Protein backbone atom coordinates (compact mmCIF):
# COMPACT_ATOMS: atom_id res chain seq x y z
CA UNK A 1 0.00 0.00 0.00
CA UNK A 2 1.23 3.49 -0.83
CA UNK A 3 2.62 5.50 2.09
CA UNK A 4 0.07 8.28 1.64
CA UNK A 5 -2.81 5.78 1.84
CA UNK A 6 -1.38 4.22 5.02
CA UNK A 7 -1.65 7.63 6.69
CA UNK A 8 -5.34 7.78 5.76
CA UNK A 9 -5.87 4.61 7.79
CA UNK A 10 -4.33 6.21 10.91
CA UNK A 11 -6.59 9.26 11.14
CA UNK A 12 -10.27 10.04 10.82
CA UNK A 13 -10.96 10.90 7.18
CA UNK A 14 -13.96 12.61 5.63
CA UNK A 15 -14.46 12.71 1.88
CA UNK A 16 -16.09 15.79 0.40
CA UNK A 17 -17.60 14.63 -2.88
CA UNK A 18 -19.09 17.14 -5.26
CA UNK A 19 -18.76 18.85 -8.62
CA UNK A 20 -16.48 21.76 -9.39
CA UNK A 21 -17.41 24.98 -7.62
CA UNK A 22 -19.88 23.26 -5.29
CA UNK A 23 -18.44 24.57 -2.02
CA UNK A 24 -16.31 21.64 -0.83
CA UNK A 25 -13.52 23.94 0.33
CA UNK A 26 -15.97 26.42 1.83
CA UNK A 27 -17.50 23.56 3.84
CA UNK A 28 -14.06 22.73 5.22
CA UNK A 29 -13.32 26.37 6.09
CA UNK A 30 -16.58 26.70 8.01
CA UNK A 31 -16.79 23.22 9.60
CA UNK A 32 -17.17 23.67 13.35
CA UNK A 33 -15.90 20.13 14.05
CA UNK A 34 -12.36 21.38 13.41
CA UNK A 35 -11.09 22.97 16.59
CA UNK A 36 -7.42 23.17 15.60
CA UNK A 37 -5.75 25.24 12.93
CA UNK A 38 -6.71 24.49 9.34
CA UNK A 39 -4.31 23.62 6.55
CA UNK A 40 -5.17 23.26 2.87
CA UNK A 41 -2.82 21.12 0.78
CA UNK A 42 -3.06 21.40 -2.99
CA UNK A 43 -1.09 21.25 -6.23
CA UNK A 44 -2.81 24.32 -7.64
CA UNK A 45 -1.37 27.78 -7.01
CA UNK A 46 -3.53 29.82 -4.66
CA UNK A 47 -3.75 32.61 -7.26
CA UNK A 48 -5.46 30.16 -9.66
CA UNK A 49 -8.22 29.52 -7.14
CA UNK A 50 -9.83 32.93 -6.99
CA UNK A 51 -12.84 32.06 -4.79
CA UNK A 52 -10.59 30.13 -2.43
CA UNK A 53 -8.01 32.92 -2.43
CA UNK A 54 -10.70 35.38 -1.33
CA UNK A 55 -11.97 33.02 1.41
CA UNK A 56 -8.51 32.44 2.85
CA UNK A 57 -8.03 36.15 3.40
CA UNK A 58 -11.15 36.05 5.60
CA UNK A 59 -9.71 33.30 7.82
CA UNK A 60 -6.35 34.30 9.25
CA UNK A 61 -5.80 30.88 10.86
CA UNK A 62 -5.64 29.06 7.50
CA UNK A 63 -2.33 27.81 6.09
CA UNK A 64 -2.04 26.92 2.40
CA UNK A 65 0.57 24.45 1.16
CA UNK A 66 1.20 24.11 -2.57
CA UNK A 67 3.05 20.82 -3.11
CA UNK A 68 4.40 22.01 -6.47
CA UNK A 69 6.55 24.64 -4.72
CA UNK A 70 9.58 24.15 -2.52
CA UNK A 71 8.45 24.30 1.06
CA UNK A 72 9.64 24.03 4.59
CA UNK A 73 7.61 22.83 7.53
CA UNK A 74 9.79 24.71 10.01
CA UNK A 75 7.17 27.46 10.31
CA UNK A 76 4.53 24.96 11.50
CA UNK A 77 3.89 24.03 15.12
CA UNK A 78 3.84 20.31 14.39
CA UNK A 79 2.48 19.40 17.82
CA UNK A 80 -0.60 21.59 17.60
CA UNK A 81 -3.69 19.63 16.46
CA UNK A 82 -4.82 20.60 12.97
CA UNK A 83 -7.46 19.82 10.41
CA UNK A 84 -6.22 19.16 6.91
CA UNK A 85 -7.98 19.48 3.56
CA UNK A 86 -6.32 17.68 0.67
CA UNK A 87 -7.84 19.72 -2.11
CA UNK A 88 -8.65 18.09 -5.47
CA UNK A 89 -6.59 14.93 -4.90
CA UNK A 90 -7.32 13.77 -8.45
CA UNK A 91 -4.81 16.39 -9.66
CA UNK A 92 -1.94 14.93 -7.59
CA UNK A 93 0.77 13.05 -9.47
CA UNK A 94 3.02 10.40 -7.88
CA UNK A 95 5.73 12.89 -6.85
CA UNK A 96 3.07 15.09 -5.22
CA UNK A 97 1.74 12.08 -3.29
CA UNK A 98 5.17 11.27 -1.87
CA UNK A 99 5.55 14.90 -0.75
CA UNK A 100 2.03 14.73 0.68
CA UNK A 101 3.00 11.70 2.80
CA UNK A 102 5.99 13.59 4.26
CA UNK A 103 3.84 16.60 5.12
CA UNK A 104 1.09 14.51 6.73
CA UNK A 105 3.57 12.47 8.78
CA UNK A 106 4.99 15.66 10.28
CA UNK A 107 1.66 17.04 11.51
CA UNK A 108 -0.64 16.26 14.42
CA UNK A 109 -3.81 15.60 12.42
CA UNK A 110 -7.10 15.94 14.27
CA UNK A 111 -9.27 15.44 11.17
CA UNK A 112 -8.41 14.82 7.52
CA UNK A 113 -10.71 16.00 4.72
CA UNK A 114 -10.23 15.02 1.10
CA UNK A 115 -12.10 16.83 -1.66
CA UNK A 116 -13.04 14.74 -4.69
CA UNK A 117 -14.87 15.20 -7.93
CA UNK A 118 -17.28 12.33 -8.65
CA UNK A 119 -15.85 12.05 -12.17
CA UNK A 120 -14.32 13.91 -15.06
CA UNK A 121 -16.35 15.96 -17.51
CA UNK A 122 -16.58 12.73 -19.52
CA UNK A 123 -17.89 11.01 -16.34
CA UNK A 124 -14.76 8.85 -16.09
CA UNK A 125 -13.11 7.99 -12.77
CA UNK A 126 -10.26 10.38 -12.04
CA UNK A 127 -6.74 9.47 -10.87
CA UNK A 128 -6.42 8.52 -7.17
CA UNK A 129 -10.18 8.70 -6.53
CA UNK A 130 -10.87 4.95 -6.44
CA UNK A 131 -7.96 4.38 -4.04
CA UNK A 132 -9.06 7.21 -1.77
CA UNK A 133 -12.68 6.03 -1.62
CA UNK A 134 -11.55 2.75 -0.05
CA UNK A 135 -9.87 4.58 2.86
CA UNK A 136 -12.43 7.24 3.79
CA UNK A 137 -14.36 6.83 7.05
CA UNK A 138 -17.24 9.14 6.10
CA UNK A 139 -18.41 10.72 2.88
CA UNK A 140 -20.32 13.97 2.54
CA UNK A 141 -21.93 14.70 -0.80
CA UNK A 142 -22.01 18.40 -1.53
CA UNK A 143 -24.29 19.17 -4.45
CA UNK A 144 -23.56 21.98 -6.82
CA UNK A 145 -25.98 24.09 -8.77
CA UNK A 146 -26.22 23.46 -12.50
CA UNK A 147 -24.88 26.49 -14.34
CA UNK A 148 -27.57 26.10 -17.04
CA UNK A 149 -30.83 25.38 -15.15
CA UNK A 150 -29.98 25.83 -11.43
CA UNK A 151 -30.97 22.26 -10.45
CA UNK A 152 -28.90 20.48 -7.79
CA UNK A 153 -26.33 18.03 -9.18
CA UNK A 154 -23.08 16.26 -8.31
CA UNK A 155 -21.89 16.08 -11.93
CA UNK A 156 -19.23 18.32 -13.44
CA UNK A 157 -19.11 19.37 -17.05
CA UNK A 158 -16.70 21.15 -19.32
CA UNK A 159 -18.72 24.15 -20.35
CA UNK A 160 -16.31 25.87 -22.71
CA UNK A 161 -15.50 24.16 -25.98
CA UNK A 162 -11.74 24.33 -26.28
CA UNK A 163 -9.26 22.73 -28.63
CA UNK A 164 -7.68 20.30 -26.15
CA UNK A 165 -10.48 17.78 -25.67
CA UNK A 166 -8.07 14.94 -24.87
CA UNK A 167 -7.36 16.15 -21.35
CA UNK A 168 -9.93 15.14 -18.77
CA UNK A 169 -8.76 17.71 -16.23
CA UNK A 170 -8.47 21.45 -16.84
CA UNK A 171 -7.76 24.06 -14.17
CA UNK A 172 -9.24 27.52 -13.74
CA UNK A 173 -11.05 29.92 -16.04
CA UNK A 174 -14.43 28.24 -15.51
CA UNK A 175 -13.64 25.17 -17.57
CA UNK A 176 -15.39 22.92 -15.08
CA UNK A 177 -18.72 23.70 -13.54
CA UNK A 178 -21.60 21.80 -12.03
CA UNK A 179 -23.99 20.76 -14.77
CA UNK A 180 -26.92 18.37 -14.48
CA UNK A 181 -27.48 15.34 -16.72
CA UNK A 182 -30.26 16.96 -18.75
CA UNK A 183 -28.29 20.10 -19.54
CA UNK A 184 -25.09 18.23 -20.33
CA UNK A 185 -27.00 15.94 -22.71
CA UNK A 186 -28.73 18.90 -24.36
CA UNK A 187 -25.39 20.70 -24.79
CA UNK A 188 -23.59 17.48 -25.83
CA UNK A 189 -21.05 18.03 -23.02
C-alpha atoms as a PDB file:
ATOM      1  CA  UNK A   1       0.000   0.000   0.000  1.00  0.00           C
ATOM      2  CA  UNK A   2       1.233   3.486  -0.828  1.00  0.00           C
ATOM      3  CA  UNK A   3       2.621   5.500   2.088  1.00  0.00           C
ATOM      4  CA  UNK A   4       0.065   8.283   1.640  1.00  0.00           C
ATOM      5  CA  UNK A   5      -2.806   5.777   1.837  1.00  0.00           C
ATOM      6  CA  UNK A   6      -1.377   4.223   5.019  1.00  0.00           C
ATOM      7  CA  UNK A   7      -1.650   7.626   6.691  1.00  0.00           C
ATOM      8  CA  UNK A   8      -5.339   7.783   5.755  1.00  0.00           C
ATOM      9  CA  UNK A   9      -5.869   4.606   7.791  1.00  0.00           C
ATOM     10  CA  UNK A  10      -4.335   6.209  10.912  1.00  0.00           C
ATOM     11  CA  UNK A  11      -6.594   9.259  11.144  1.00  0.00           C
ATOM     12  CA  UNK A  12     -10.274  10.037  10.819  1.00  0.00           C
ATOM     13  CA  UNK A  13     -10.965  10.899   7.178  1.00  0.00           C
ATOM     14  CA  UNK A  14     -13.960  12.608   5.632  1.00  0.00           C
ATOM     15  CA  UNK A  15     -14.457  12.711   1.879  1.00  0.00           C
ATOM     16  CA  UNK A  16     -16.095  15.790   0.404  1.00  0.00           C
ATOM     17  CA  UNK A  17     -17.605  14.626  -2.878  1.00  0.00           C
ATOM     18  CA  UNK A  18     -19.093  17.143  -5.260  1.00  0.00           C
ATOM     19  CA  UNK A  19     -18.758  18.850  -8.616  1.00  0.00           C
ATOM     20  CA  UNK A  20     -16.483  21.760  -9.391  1.00  0.00           C
ATOM     21  CA  UNK A  21     -17.405  24.984  -7.625  1.00  0.00           C
ATOM     22  CA  UNK A  22     -19.877  23.264  -5.291  1.00  0.00           C
ATOM     23  CA  UNK A  23     -18.442  24.567  -2.022  1.00  0.00           C
ATOM     24  CA  UNK A  24     -16.312  21.641  -0.834  1.00  0.00           C
ATOM     25  CA  UNK A  25     -13.521  23.941   0.327  1.00  0.00           C
ATOM     26  CA  UNK A  26     -15.971  26.421   1.828  1.00  0.00           C
ATOM     27  CA  UNK A  27     -17.503  23.564   3.842  1.00  0.00           C
ATOM     28  CA  UNK A  28     -14.055  22.725   5.222  1.00  0.00           C
ATOM     29  CA  UNK A  29     -13.323  26.365   6.086  1.00  0.00           C
ATOM     30  CA  UNK A  30     -16.579  26.699   8.010  1.00  0.00           C
ATOM     31  CA  UNK A  31     -16.793  23.223   9.601  1.00  0.00           C
ATOM     32  CA  UNK A  32     -17.171  23.673  13.354  1.00  0.00           C
ATOM     33  CA  UNK A  33     -15.902  20.129  14.052  1.00  0.00           C
ATOM     34  CA  UNK A  34     -12.364  21.382  13.409  1.00  0.00           C
ATOM     35  CA  UNK A  35     -11.092  22.966  16.594  1.00  0.00           C
ATOM     36  CA  UNK A  36      -7.415  23.173  15.596  1.00  0.00           C
ATOM     37  CA  UNK A  37      -5.747  25.239  12.931  1.00  0.00           C
ATOM     38  CA  UNK A  38      -6.707  24.491   9.338  1.00  0.00           C
ATOM     39  CA  UNK A  39      -4.306  23.615   6.553  1.00  0.00           C
ATOM     40  CA  UNK A  40      -5.171  23.255   2.873  1.00  0.00           C
ATOM     41  CA  UNK A  41      -2.821  21.121   0.781  1.00  0.00           C
ATOM     42  CA  UNK A  42      -3.061  21.404  -2.993  1.00  0.00           C
ATOM     43  CA  UNK A  43      -1.094  21.245  -6.227  1.00  0.00           C
ATOM     44  CA  UNK A  44      -2.808  24.322  -7.635  1.00  0.00           C
ATOM     45  CA  UNK A  45      -1.369  27.783  -7.012  1.00  0.00           C
ATOM     46  CA  UNK A  46      -3.526  29.815  -4.659  1.00  0.00           C
ATOM     47  CA  UNK A  47      -3.749  32.609  -7.259  1.00  0.00           C
ATOM     48  CA  UNK A  48      -5.462  30.163  -9.660  1.00  0.00           C
ATOM     49  CA  UNK A  49      -8.218  29.521  -7.139  1.00  0.00           C
ATOM     50  CA  UNK A  50      -9.829  32.933  -6.988  1.00  0.00           C
ATOM     51  CA  UNK A  51     -12.841  32.059  -4.791  1.00  0.00           C
ATOM     52  CA  UNK A  52     -10.593  30.132  -2.429  1.00  0.00           C
ATOM     53  CA  UNK A  53      -8.014  32.923  -2.430  1.00  0.00           C
ATOM     54  CA  UNK A  54     -10.704  35.383  -1.330  1.00  0.00           C
ATOM     55  CA  UNK A  55     -11.967  33.017   1.405  1.00  0.00           C
ATOM     56  CA  UNK A  56      -8.511  32.439   2.852  1.00  0.00           C
ATOM     57  CA  UNK A  57      -8.027  36.154   3.396  1.00  0.00           C
ATOM     58  CA  UNK A  58     -11.145  36.050   5.599  1.00  0.00           C
ATOM     59  CA  UNK A  59      -9.711  33.303   7.817  1.00  0.00           C
ATOM     60  CA  UNK A  60      -6.347  34.303   9.253  1.00  0.00           C
ATOM     61  CA  UNK A  61      -5.796  30.883  10.864  1.00  0.00           C
ATOM     62  CA  UNK A  62      -5.638  29.058   7.496  1.00  0.00           C
ATOM     63  CA  UNK A  63      -2.329  27.806   6.090  1.00  0.00           C
ATOM     64  CA  UNK A  64      -2.036  26.924   2.401  1.00  0.00           C
ATOM     65  CA  UNK A  65       0.571  24.449   1.162  1.00  0.00           C
ATOM     66  CA  UNK A  66       1.198  24.110  -2.566  1.00  0.00           C
ATOM     67  CA  UNK A  67       3.053  20.825  -3.108  1.00  0.00           C
ATOM     68  CA  UNK A  68       4.402  22.012  -6.468  1.00  0.00           C
ATOM     69  CA  UNK A  69       6.547  24.638  -4.724  1.00  0.00           C
ATOM     70  CA  UNK A  70       9.583  24.149  -2.523  1.00  0.00           C
ATOM     71  CA  UNK A  71       8.450  24.300   1.059  1.00  0.00           C
ATOM     72  CA  UNK A  72       9.638  24.031   4.588  1.00  0.00           C
ATOM     73  CA  UNK A  73       7.613  22.829   7.535  1.00  0.00           C
ATOM     74  CA  UNK A  74       9.793  24.714  10.010  1.00  0.00           C
ATOM     75  CA  UNK A  75       7.165  27.456  10.314  1.00  0.00           C
ATOM     76  CA  UNK A  76       4.530  24.961  11.502  1.00  0.00           C
ATOM     77  CA  UNK A  77       3.895  24.028  15.117  1.00  0.00           C
ATOM     78  CA  UNK A  78       3.839  20.310  14.388  1.00  0.00           C
ATOM     79  CA  UNK A  79       2.484  19.404  17.821  1.00  0.00           C
ATOM     80  CA  UNK A  80      -0.601  21.590  17.596  1.00  0.00           C
ATOM     81  CA  UNK A  81      -3.694  19.631  16.462  1.00  0.00           C
ATOM     82  CA  UNK A  82      -4.820  20.601  12.973  1.00  0.00           C
ATOM     83  CA  UNK A  83      -7.465  19.823  10.414  1.00  0.00           C
ATOM     84  CA  UNK A  84      -6.218  19.160   6.906  1.00  0.00           C
ATOM     85  CA  UNK A  85      -7.976  19.479   3.562  1.00  0.00           C
ATOM     86  CA  UNK A  86      -6.316  17.678   0.673  1.00  0.00           C
ATOM     87  CA  UNK A  87      -7.836  19.721  -2.112  1.00  0.00           C
ATOM     88  CA  UNK A  88      -8.645  18.095  -5.467  1.00  0.00           C
ATOM     89  CA  UNK A  89      -6.593  14.926  -4.898  1.00  0.00           C
ATOM     90  CA  UNK A  90      -7.320  13.766  -8.452  1.00  0.00           C
ATOM     91  CA  UNK A  91      -4.805  16.385  -9.657  1.00  0.00           C
ATOM     92  CA  UNK A  92      -1.944  14.933  -7.593  1.00  0.00           C
ATOM     93  CA  UNK A  93       0.767  13.050  -9.468  1.00  0.00           C
ATOM     94  CA  UNK A  94       3.018  10.405  -7.884  1.00  0.00           C
ATOM     95  CA  UNK A  95       5.729  12.887  -6.851  1.00  0.00           C
ATOM     96  CA  UNK A  96       3.065  15.089  -5.215  1.00  0.00           C
ATOM     97  CA  UNK A  97       1.742  12.080  -3.287  1.00  0.00           C
ATOM     98  CA  UNK A  98       5.174  11.269  -1.873  1.00  0.00           C
ATOM     99  CA  UNK A  99       5.554  14.902  -0.746  1.00  0.00           C
ATOM    100  CA  UNK A 100       2.033  14.732   0.684  1.00  0.00           C
ATOM    101  CA  UNK A 101       2.996  11.703   2.804  1.00  0.00           C
ATOM    102  CA  UNK A 102       5.986  13.590   4.258  1.00  0.00           C
ATOM    103  CA  UNK A 103       3.840  16.599   5.117  1.00  0.00           C
ATOM    104  CA  UNK A 104       1.087  14.511   6.726  1.00  0.00           C
ATOM    105  CA  UNK A 105       3.572  12.473   8.778  1.00  0.00           C
ATOM    106  CA  UNK A 106       4.989  15.658  10.279  1.00  0.00           C
ATOM    107  CA  UNK A 107       1.655  17.043  11.506  1.00  0.00           C
ATOM    108  CA  UNK A 108      -0.643  16.259  14.425  1.00  0.00           C
ATOM    109  CA  UNK A 109      -3.810  15.598  12.420  1.00  0.00           C
ATOM    110  CA  UNK A 110      -7.104  15.940  14.265  1.00  0.00           C
ATOM    111  CA  UNK A 111      -9.274  15.440  11.169  1.00  0.00           C
ATOM    112  CA  UNK A 112      -8.407  14.822   7.515  1.00  0.00           C
ATOM    113  CA  UNK A 113     -10.712  16.002   4.724  1.00  0.00           C
ATOM    114  CA  UNK A 114     -10.235  15.017   1.097  1.00  0.00           C
ATOM    115  CA  UNK A 115     -12.097  16.833  -1.664  1.00  0.00           C
ATOM    116  CA  UNK A 116     -13.035  14.739  -4.692  1.00  0.00           C
ATOM    117  CA  UNK A 117     -14.874  15.202  -7.932  1.00  0.00           C
ATOM    118  CA  UNK A 118     -17.282  12.328  -8.654  1.00  0.00           C
ATOM    119  CA  UNK A 119     -15.855  12.054 -12.173  1.00  0.00           C
ATOM    120  CA  UNK A 120     -14.319  13.906 -15.055  1.00  0.00           C
ATOM    121  CA  UNK A 121     -16.348  15.961 -17.513  1.00  0.00           C
ATOM    122  CA  UNK A 122     -16.583  12.732 -19.515  1.00  0.00           C
ATOM    123  CA  UNK A 123     -17.888  11.013 -16.340  1.00  0.00           C
ATOM    124  CA  UNK A 124     -14.757   8.850 -16.091  1.00  0.00           C
ATOM    125  CA  UNK A 125     -13.115   7.987 -12.773  1.00  0.00           C
ATOM    126  CA  UNK A 126     -10.257  10.380 -12.040  1.00  0.00           C
ATOM    127  CA  UNK A 127      -6.735   9.466 -10.871  1.00  0.00           C
ATOM    128  CA  UNK A 128      -6.418   8.521  -7.171  1.00  0.00           C
ATOM    129  CA  UNK A 129     -10.175   8.700  -6.535  1.00  0.00           C
ATOM    130  CA  UNK A 130     -10.869   4.947  -6.440  1.00  0.00           C
ATOM    131  CA  UNK A 131      -7.958   4.384  -4.039  1.00  0.00           C
ATOM    132  CA  UNK A 132      -9.062   7.206  -1.772  1.00  0.00           C
ATOM    133  CA  UNK A 133     -12.681   6.027  -1.621  1.00  0.00           C
ATOM    134  CA  UNK A 134     -11.548   2.747  -0.047  1.00  0.00           C
ATOM    135  CA  UNK A 135      -9.867   4.582   2.858  1.00  0.00           C
ATOM    136  CA  UNK A 136     -12.428   7.238   3.788  1.00  0.00           C
ATOM    137  CA  UNK A 137     -14.363   6.831   7.045  1.00  0.00           C
ATOM    138  CA  UNK A 138     -17.241   9.138   6.105  1.00  0.00           C
ATOM    139  CA  UNK A 139     -18.409  10.719   2.881  1.00  0.00           C
ATOM    140  CA  UNK A 140     -20.321  13.966   2.542  1.00  0.00           C
ATOM    141  CA  UNK A 141     -21.932  14.697  -0.798  1.00  0.00           C
ATOM    142  CA  UNK A 142     -22.010  18.401  -1.527  1.00  0.00           C
ATOM    143  CA  UNK A 143     -24.286  19.166  -4.449  1.00  0.00           C
ATOM    144  CA  UNK A 144     -23.561  21.976  -6.817  1.00  0.00           C
ATOM    145  CA  UNK A 145     -25.982  24.094  -8.775  1.00  0.00           C
ATOM    146  CA  UNK A 146     -26.225  23.462 -12.500  1.00  0.00           C
ATOM    147  CA  UNK A 147     -24.881  26.491 -14.344  1.00  0.00           C
ATOM    148  CA  UNK A 148     -27.572  26.098 -17.036  1.00  0.00           C
ATOM    149  CA  UNK A 149     -30.831  25.376 -15.154  1.00  0.00           C
ATOM    150  CA  UNK A 150     -29.975  25.827 -11.431  1.00  0.00           C
ATOM    151  CA  UNK A 151     -30.969  22.259 -10.445  1.00  0.00           C
ATOM    152  CA  UNK A 152     -28.898  20.482  -7.789  1.00  0.00           C
ATOM    153  CA  UNK A 153     -26.330  18.026  -9.178  1.00  0.00           C
ATOM    154  CA  UNK A 154     -23.078  16.263  -8.314  1.00  0.00           C
ATOM    155  CA  UNK A 155     -21.889  16.082 -11.934  1.00  0.00           C
ATOM    156  CA  UNK A 156     -19.227  18.325 -13.435  1.00  0.00           C
ATOM    157  CA  UNK A 157     -19.106  19.367 -17.049  1.00  0.00           C
ATOM    158  CA  UNK A 158     -16.697  21.147 -19.321  1.00  0.00           C
ATOM    159  CA  UNK A 159     -18.723  24.147 -20.349  1.00  0.00           C
ATOM    160  CA  UNK A 160     -16.308  25.871 -22.712  1.00  0.00           C
ATOM    161  CA  UNK A 161     -15.503  24.156 -25.981  1.00  0.00           C
ATOM    162  CA  UNK A 162     -11.743  24.329 -26.275  1.00  0.00           C
ATOM    163  CA  UNK A 163      -9.257  22.733 -28.628  1.00  0.00           C
ATOM    164  CA  UNK A 164      -7.681  20.301 -26.147  1.00  0.00           C
ATOM    165  CA  UNK A 165     -10.484  17.781 -25.672  1.00  0.00           C
ATOM    166  CA  UNK A 166      -8.075  14.940 -24.871  1.00  0.00           C
ATOM    167  CA  UNK A 167      -7.362  16.153 -21.348  1.00  0.00           C
ATOM    168  CA  UNK A 168      -9.932  15.135 -18.765  1.00  0.00           C
ATOM    169  CA  UNK A 169      -8.756  17.710 -16.235  1.00  0.00           C
ATOM    170  CA  UNK A 170      -8.467  21.451 -16.836  1.00  0.00           C
ATOM    171  CA  UNK A 171      -7.759  24.056 -14.166  1.00  0.00           C
ATOM    172  CA  UNK A 172      -9.239  27.516 -13.736  1.00  0.00           C
ATOM    173  CA  UNK A 173     -11.047  29.924 -16.039  1.00  0.00           C
ATOM    174  CA  UNK A 174     -14.430  28.244 -15.513  1.00  0.00           C
ATOM    175  CA  UNK A 175     -13.636  25.167 -17.574  1.00  0.00           C
ATOM    176  CA  UNK A 176     -15.388  22.916 -15.085  1.00  0.00           C
ATOM    177  CA  UNK A 177     -18.723  23.704 -13.543  1.00  0.00           C
ATOM    178  CA  UNK A 178     -21.598  21.800 -12.034  1.00  0.00           C
ATOM    179  CA  UNK A 179     -23.992  20.759 -14.773  1.00  0.00           C
ATOM    180  CA  UNK A 180     -26.921  18.368 -14.484  1.00  0.00           C
ATOM    181  CA  UNK A 181     -27.476  15.342 -16.721  1.00  0.00           C
ATOM    182  CA  UNK A 182     -30.262  16.957 -18.752  1.00  0.00           C
ATOM    183  CA  UNK A 183     -28.294  20.100 -19.543  1.00  0.00           C
ATOM    184  CA  UNK A 184     -25.091  18.235 -20.326  1.00  0.00           C
ATOM    185  CA  UNK A 185     -27.002  15.937 -22.707  1.00  0.00           C
ATOM    186  CA  UNK A 186     -28.726  18.902 -24.359  1.00  0.00           C
ATOM    187  CA  UNK A 187     -25.387  20.697 -24.794  1.00  0.00           C
ATOM    188  CA  UNK A 188     -23.590  17.485 -25.826  1.00  0.00           C
ATOM    189  CA  UNK A 189     -21.052  18.030 -23.025  1.00  0.00           C
END
